[in-house]
Amino acid sequence: MKFSICSWIFGDQPIEQTMRDAASMGYDEIEIHAKDYNWKELAELAETLGLRIRGLCADAGWPRKETDLSQIDPSMRKTAVNYFKEQISRAYRAGAEYMVLSPCAPGKAEPEGNGKEEWKAAVLSLQEIAPYAEERNVALVIEPLNRYESCIINTGWQALVLVEEVGHPFVTTMLDTFHMNIEESSMEAPFHHLGPALSHIHAADTNRQGLGYGRLSWETIAEAIKETGYDKTITVECLAPALNVFPSAREQFRIDYVNEYAEKSLAKLQYLFRS
C-alpha cells in the first residue's frame, strides 16, 4: 500500500514547498491539483525528492460551466470536454497514471435540467475524453461527491453504474471516506461492492479533518479495504476547520492545521496497513 496526499488542501502555498513537506513527512506519492504548472520541472523535483506524482486532481468547480462535463448545452459541453483534454495532457506531462474528476463540476448541487439530462451529458463527455486519456495512459477516476457538492453521483453504487454505462477500460471509480460518511448506509459495503472498479481511495474523517479527528472507525474501514485485496494508494484529503469547504484566500487558510493532520493521518495509515 502506498500513501499520498492532495496538494490542493495546502491552499496557495507554493507547490514546490508542498512537495518538499510531503516528502519530508514520509509520503510515497502526491496528488497534485491540475493547474497550469511547469510539469517538467515538477516531475524533476519529484524524482529528486523520491516523491511520485502518480495522480492529478482535476481543476474544476461550479459555477465555472467550462469545467462541467454534465453541461446540457452542447456548445458549453464541448468547451468542457476540451478543457478536460488539456487537464489530461497535464497529467501526461507530469508522468501521472490517473486523474480524479467529478462528472459534474464540484459544487453543482442542483441540476440545470431534469437530472437525467445531466447524466446523459456526463456519459457522452466521458466517452469522448476516455480515448484521449487512453492514448496518454492516464486513467479517469470518477469520484462520488456528497449531495451538497454534486447533483449526479453521490454513492459508490451510482458511480459504478456510470462507469459501466461509459464502458471504457480507462474510466474507473473510487471512494472518499468523508463523502461516504454522508451518503452511504455502510462504511464497509461499498469497498466490496465496487470490486475491481475501485482504483483509488481518498481519506478524511467525518468532519473532513485528519484521520482520528472525527468519529470514523478507521480500524473497521481498514479491515474492509484489506478484505477486498486493494493494495494501490490511499490519499489523504483533509481540510482545516473553516466555514467555506473550498477555502482559497490566504487569510481563510491555516496551514498549521493541515500540516498537523497530514503528519497524524500518515502515522495512522502506516499503523493500520503496515504494522
Protein backbone atom coordinates (compact mmCIF):
# COMPACT_ATOMS: atom_id res chain seq x y z
CA MET A 1 0.00 0.00 0.00
CA LYS A 2 1.21 3.49 -0.91
CA PHE A 3 0.20 6.70 0.86
CA SER A 4 -0.37 10.02 -0.87
CA ILE A 5 -1.69 13.48 -0.07
CA CYS A 6 -3.65 16.04 -2.12
CA SER A 7 -1.76 19.24 -2.85
CA TRP A 8 -4.85 21.46 -3.03
CA ILE A 9 -5.53 21.12 0.70
CA PHE A 10 -2.41 23.24 1.35
CA GLY A 11 -4.14 26.26 -0.16
CA ASP A 12 -2.00 28.76 -2.03
CA GLN A 13 1.28 27.55 -0.58
CA PRO A 14 3.80 27.14 -3.45
CA ILE A 15 3.52 23.64 -4.89
CA GLU A 16 7.28 23.11 -4.59
CA GLN A 17 7.08 23.68 -0.83
CA THR A 18 4.11 21.35 -0.54
CA MET A 19 6.04 18.63 -2.36
CA ARG A 20 9.06 19.07 -0.08
CA ASP A 21 6.82 18.96 3.00
CA ALA A 22 5.05 15.79 1.82
CA ALA A 23 8.37 14.09 1.13
CA SER A 24 9.83 15.08 4.49
CA MET A 25 6.75 13.72 6.28
CA GLY A 26 7.27 10.37 4.59
CA TYR A 27 4.55 10.26 1.94
CA ASP A 28 5.20 7.97 -1.01
CA GLU A 29 3.17 9.98 -3.51
CA ILE A 30 1.40 13.29 -4.05
CA GLU A 31 -1.83 14.00 -5.92
CA ILE A 32 -1.40 17.44 -7.48
CA HIS A 33 -4.14 19.89 -8.39
CA ALA A 34 -4.11 20.01 -12.21
CA LYS A 35 -3.26 23.69 -12.56
CA ASP A 36 -1.03 25.20 -15.22
CA TYR A 37 2.33 24.35 -13.64
CA ASN A 38 5.65 23.70 -15.31
CA TRP A 39 5.11 19.98 -15.18
CA LYS A 40 8.58 19.07 -16.44
CA GLU A 41 10.14 20.93 -13.51
CA LEU A 42 7.71 19.38 -11.02
CA ALA A 43 8.44 15.89 -12.35
CA GLU A 44 12.17 16.53 -11.93
CA LEU A 45 11.63 17.85 -8.38
CA ALA A 46 9.54 14.80 -7.51
CA GLU A 47 12.30 12.49 -8.70
CA THR A 48 14.85 14.39 -6.62
CA LEU A 49 12.62 14.13 -3.54
CA GLY A 50 11.75 10.48 -4.09
CA LEU A 51 8.09 11.51 -4.24
CA ARG A 52 5.95 10.09 -7.03
CA ILE A 53 3.35 12.19 -8.86
CA ARG A 54 1.09 9.24 -9.57
CA GLY A 55 -2.09 11.23 -9.99
CA LEU A 56 -3.69 14.61 -10.53
CA CYS A 57 -6.90 16.06 -9.15
CA ALA A 58 -8.89 17.88 -11.83
CA ASP A 59 -9.03 21.66 -11.57
CA ALA A 60 -12.79 22.20 -11.81
CA GLY A 61 -15.56 23.87 -9.85
CA TRP A 62 -19.02 25.36 -10.05
CA PRO A 63 -20.21 27.84 -11.29
CA ARG A 64 -17.44 27.57 -13.93
CA LYS A 65 -19.55 25.95 -16.65
CA GLU A 66 -16.48 25.39 -18.81
CA THR A 67 -15.34 22.79 -16.24
CA ASP A 68 -18.68 20.95 -16.12
CA LEU A 69 -18.84 17.70 -18.11
CA SER A 70 -22.58 17.42 -17.39
CA GLN A 71 -23.48 20.59 -19.30
CA ILE A 72 -26.74 20.11 -21.22
CA ASP A 73 -25.86 22.96 -23.59
CA PRO A 74 -23.94 21.24 -26.45
CA SER A 75 -21.53 24.10 -27.12
CA MET A 76 -20.66 24.52 -23.44
CA ARG A 77 -20.26 20.76 -23.05
CA LYS A 78 -17.81 20.80 -25.96
CA THR A 79 -15.87 23.54 -24.17
CA ALA A 80 -15.74 21.38 -21.03
CA VAL A 81 -14.55 18.34 -23.00
CA ASN A 82 -11.69 20.36 -24.48
CA TYR A 83 -10.89 21.77 -21.06
CA PHE A 84 -10.52 18.28 -19.61
CA LYS A 85 -8.40 17.13 -22.52
CA GLU A 86 -5.93 19.83 -21.53
CA GLN A 87 -6.10 18.57 -17.93
CA ILE A 88 -5.30 15.06 -19.18
CA SER A 89 -2.37 16.45 -21.12
CA ARG A 90 -1.04 17.95 -17.89
CA ALA A 91 -1.27 14.56 -16.22
CA TYR A 92 0.64 13.06 -19.14
CA ARG A 93 3.37 15.70 -18.91
CA ALA A 94 3.66 15.04 -15.17
CA GLY A 95 4.07 11.30 -15.77
CA ALA A 96 0.89 10.62 -13.79
CA GLU A 97 -1.16 7.44 -14.16
CA TYR A 98 -4.58 8.82 -13.24
CA MET A 99 -6.72 11.92 -12.87
CA VAL A 100 -9.52 12.22 -10.31
CA LEU A 101 -12.58 14.05 -11.57
CA SER A 102 -16.28 14.53 -10.95
CA PRO A 103 -18.77 14.08 -13.82
CA CYS A 104 -20.20 17.47 -12.87
CA ALA A 105 -18.30 20.50 -11.62
CA PRO A 106 -17.77 20.16 -7.82
CA GLY A 107 -20.24 22.43 -6.03
CA LYS A 108 -23.02 21.91 -8.58
CA ALA A 109 -25.61 20.65 -6.12
CA GLU A 110 -28.68 21.39 -8.26
CA PRO A 111 -29.15 20.31 -11.90
CA GLU A 112 -29.91 22.91 -14.53
CA GLY A 113 -32.01 20.37 -16.41
CA ASN A 114 -34.01 17.43 -15.06
CA GLY A 115 -31.04 15.42 -13.78
CA LYS A 116 -31.36 12.73 -16.45
CA GLU A 117 -30.14 15.28 -19.00
CA GLU A 118 -27.04 15.94 -16.90
CA TRP A 119 -26.37 12.22 -16.53
CA LYS A 120 -26.59 11.67 -20.30
CA ALA A 121 -24.32 14.65 -20.95
CA ALA A 122 -21.75 13.36 -18.44
CA VAL A 123 -21.73 9.91 -20.07
CA LEU A 124 -21.24 11.42 -23.53
CA SER A 125 -18.43 13.67 -22.27
CA LEU A 126 -16.58 10.81 -20.60
CA GLN A 127 -16.96 8.64 -23.70
CA GLU A 128 -15.37 11.46 -25.72
CA ILE A 129 -12.40 12.09 -23.45
CA ALA A 130 -11.68 8.47 -22.49
CA PRO A 131 -9.91 7.57 -25.79
CA TYR A 132 -7.81 10.73 -25.45
CA ALA A 133 -6.86 9.64 -21.93
CA GLU A 134 -6.06 6.10 -23.08
CA GLU A 135 -3.67 7.42 -25.73
CA ARG A 136 -1.76 9.13 -22.92
CA ASN A 137 -2.10 6.21 -20.49
CA VAL A 138 -3.99 8.33 -17.94
CA ALA A 139 -6.92 6.62 -16.19
CA LEU A 140 -10.00 8.73 -15.44
CA VAL A 141 -11.12 8.10 -11.86
CA ILE A 142 -14.72 9.15 -11.14
CA GLU A 143 -15.19 10.45 -7.59
CA PRO A 144 -18.63 10.26 -5.93
CA LEU A 145 -19.23 13.53 -4.03
CA ASN A 146 -21.86 14.21 -1.41
CA ARG A 147 -25.23 15.77 -2.32
CA TYR A 148 -24.04 19.26 -1.38
CA GLU A 149 -21.24 19.09 -3.97
CA SER A 150 -22.72 17.02 -6.80
CA CYS A 151 -26.16 16.61 -8.35
CA ILE A 152 -25.22 13.45 -10.26
CA ILE A 153 -23.01 10.95 -8.43
CA ASN A 154 -23.22 10.68 -4.63
CA THR A 155 -22.56 7.00 -3.87
CA GLY A 156 -20.22 4.25 -4.92
CA TRP A 157 -23.13 2.34 -6.46
CA GLN A 158 -24.11 5.32 -8.64
CA ALA A 159 -20.50 5.79 -9.71
CA LEU A 160 -20.27 2.12 -10.71
CA VAL A 161 -23.44 2.43 -12.81
CA LEU A 162 -21.95 5.46 -14.57
CA VAL A 163 -18.63 3.68 -15.20
CA GLU A 164 -20.44 0.67 -16.66
CA GLU A 165 -22.55 2.91 -18.90
CA VAL A 166 -19.48 4.77 -20.18
CA GLY A 167 -17.98 1.38 -20.93
CA HIS A 168 -14.31 2.24 -21.35
CA PRO A 169 -11.44 0.45 -19.55
CA PHE A 170 -9.73 3.76 -18.72
CA VAL A 171 -12.76 5.01 -16.75
CA THR A 172 -12.89 3.65 -13.21
CA THR A 173 -14.11 4.93 -9.86
CA MET A 174 -13.07 5.49 -6.26
CA LEU A 175 -14.35 6.13 -2.75
CA ASP A 176 -13.81 9.06 -0.39
CA THR A 177 -14.49 8.35 3.29
CA PHE A 178 -15.73 11.89 4.01
CA HIS A 179 -18.39 11.72 1.28
CA MET A 180 -19.18 8.11 2.17
CA ASN A 181 -19.98 9.13 5.74
CA ILE A 182 -22.70 11.45 4.41
CA GLU A 183 -24.16 9.28 1.66
CA GLU A 184 -23.51 5.58 2.29
CA SER A 185 -25.53 3.39 4.65
CA SER A 186 -22.38 1.37 5.36
CA MET A 187 -18.73 2.36 5.52
CA GLU A 188 -17.62 -1.16 4.61
CA ALA A 189 -20.01 -2.48 1.94
CA PRO A 190 -19.08 -0.03 -0.87
CA PHE A 191 -15.47 -1.23 -0.87
CA HIS A 192 -16.69 -4.77 -1.50
CA HIS A 193 -19.38 -3.68 -3.97
CA LEU A 194 -17.04 -1.81 -6.31
CA GLY A 195 -14.58 -4.69 -6.55
CA PRO A 196 -12.09 -4.27 -9.42
CA ALA A 197 -13.67 -0.90 -10.37
CA LEU A 198 -12.20 0.57 -7.18
CA SER A 199 -8.97 2.19 -8.29
CA HIS A 200 -8.37 4.86 -5.67
CA ILE A 201 -9.29 5.98 -2.13
CA HIS A 202 -9.42 9.43 -0.52
CA ALA A 203 -9.28 9.57 3.26
CA ALA A 204 -10.60 12.16 5.72
CA ASP A 205 -12.67 11.90 8.88
CA THR A 206 -16.35 12.73 9.42
CA ASN A 207 -15.58 16.45 9.83
CA ARG A 208 -13.21 16.40 6.83
CA GLN A 209 -10.28 16.82 9.18
CA GLY A 210 -7.41 14.41 9.71
CA LEU A 211 -7.81 10.71 10.43
CA GLY A 212 -8.75 10.28 14.08
CA TYR A 213 -10.12 13.82 14.46
CA GLY A 214 -13.71 12.72 13.81
CA ARG A 215 -15.92 9.73 14.51
CA LEU A 216 -14.97 7.19 11.85
CA SER A 217 -13.81 3.72 12.92
CA TRP A 218 -10.60 3.52 10.93
CA GLU A 219 -9.83 0.02 12.14
CA THR A 220 -13.14 -1.19 10.66
CA ILE A 221 -12.59 0.67 7.40
CA ALA A 222 -9.03 -0.66 7.10
CA GLU A 223 -10.24 -4.21 7.62
CA ALA A 224 -12.83 -3.80 4.84
CA ILE A 225 -10.18 -2.44 2.48
CA LYS A 226 -7.84 -5.31 3.27
CA GLU A 227 -10.60 -7.85 2.67
CA THR A 228 -11.09 -6.55 -0.89
CA GLY A 229 -7.41 -7.05 -1.68
CA TYR A 230 -6.99 -3.38 -2.57
CA ASP A 231 -3.28 -2.56 -2.43
CA LYS A 232 -2.85 0.62 -4.50
CA THR A 233 -2.86 4.11 -2.97
CA ILE A 234 -4.75 5.85 -0.17
CA THR A 235 -4.64 9.64 -0.48
CA VAL A 236 -5.18 11.96 2.49
CA GLU A 237 -7.59 14.81 1.63
CA CYS A 238 -8.35 16.63 4.88
CA LEU A 239 -9.13 20.31 5.41
CA ALA A 240 -8.50 22.86 8.14
CA PRO A 241 -11.64 23.95 10.05
CA ALA A 242 -13.42 26.66 8.04
CA LEU A 243 -16.91 27.77 7.12
CA ASN A 244 -16.02 27.57 3.43
CA VAL A 245 -15.45 23.97 2.34
CA PHE A 246 -13.36 25.25 -0.59
CA PRO A 247 -11.02 27.78 1.08
CA SER A 248 -8.96 29.85 -1.32
CA ALA A 249 -7.92 33.13 0.28
CA ARG A 250 -4.78 33.00 2.40
CA GLU A 251 -6.50 34.64 5.39
CA GLN A 252 -9.05 31.78 5.46
CA PHE A 253 -6.40 29.15 5.45
CA ARG A 254 -4.49 27.75 8.40
CA ILE A 255 -1.51 25.77 7.20
CA ASP A 256 -0.62 24.65 10.71
CA TYR A 257 -3.80 22.56 10.92
CA VAL A 258 -3.17 20.83 7.60
CA ASN A 259 0.44 20.07 8.45
CA GLU A 260 -0.68 18.51 11.72
CA TYR A 261 -3.42 16.48 10.01
CA ALA A 262 -1.01 15.36 7.28
CA GLU A 263 1.52 14.03 9.79
CA LYS A 264 -1.01 12.39 12.10
CA SER A 265 -3.02 10.89 9.22
CA LEU A 266 0.07 9.34 7.67
CA ALA A 267 1.06 7.83 11.02
CA LYS A 268 -2.46 6.38 11.34
CA LEU A 269 -2.38 4.84 7.87
CA GLN A 270 1.08 3.36 8.45
CA TYR A 271 -0.13 1.82 11.69
CA LEU A 272 -3.29 0.38 10.07
CA PHE A 273 -1.71 -1.03 6.93
CA ARG A 274 1.98 -1.60 7.65
CA SER A 275 2.19 -2.65 11.29
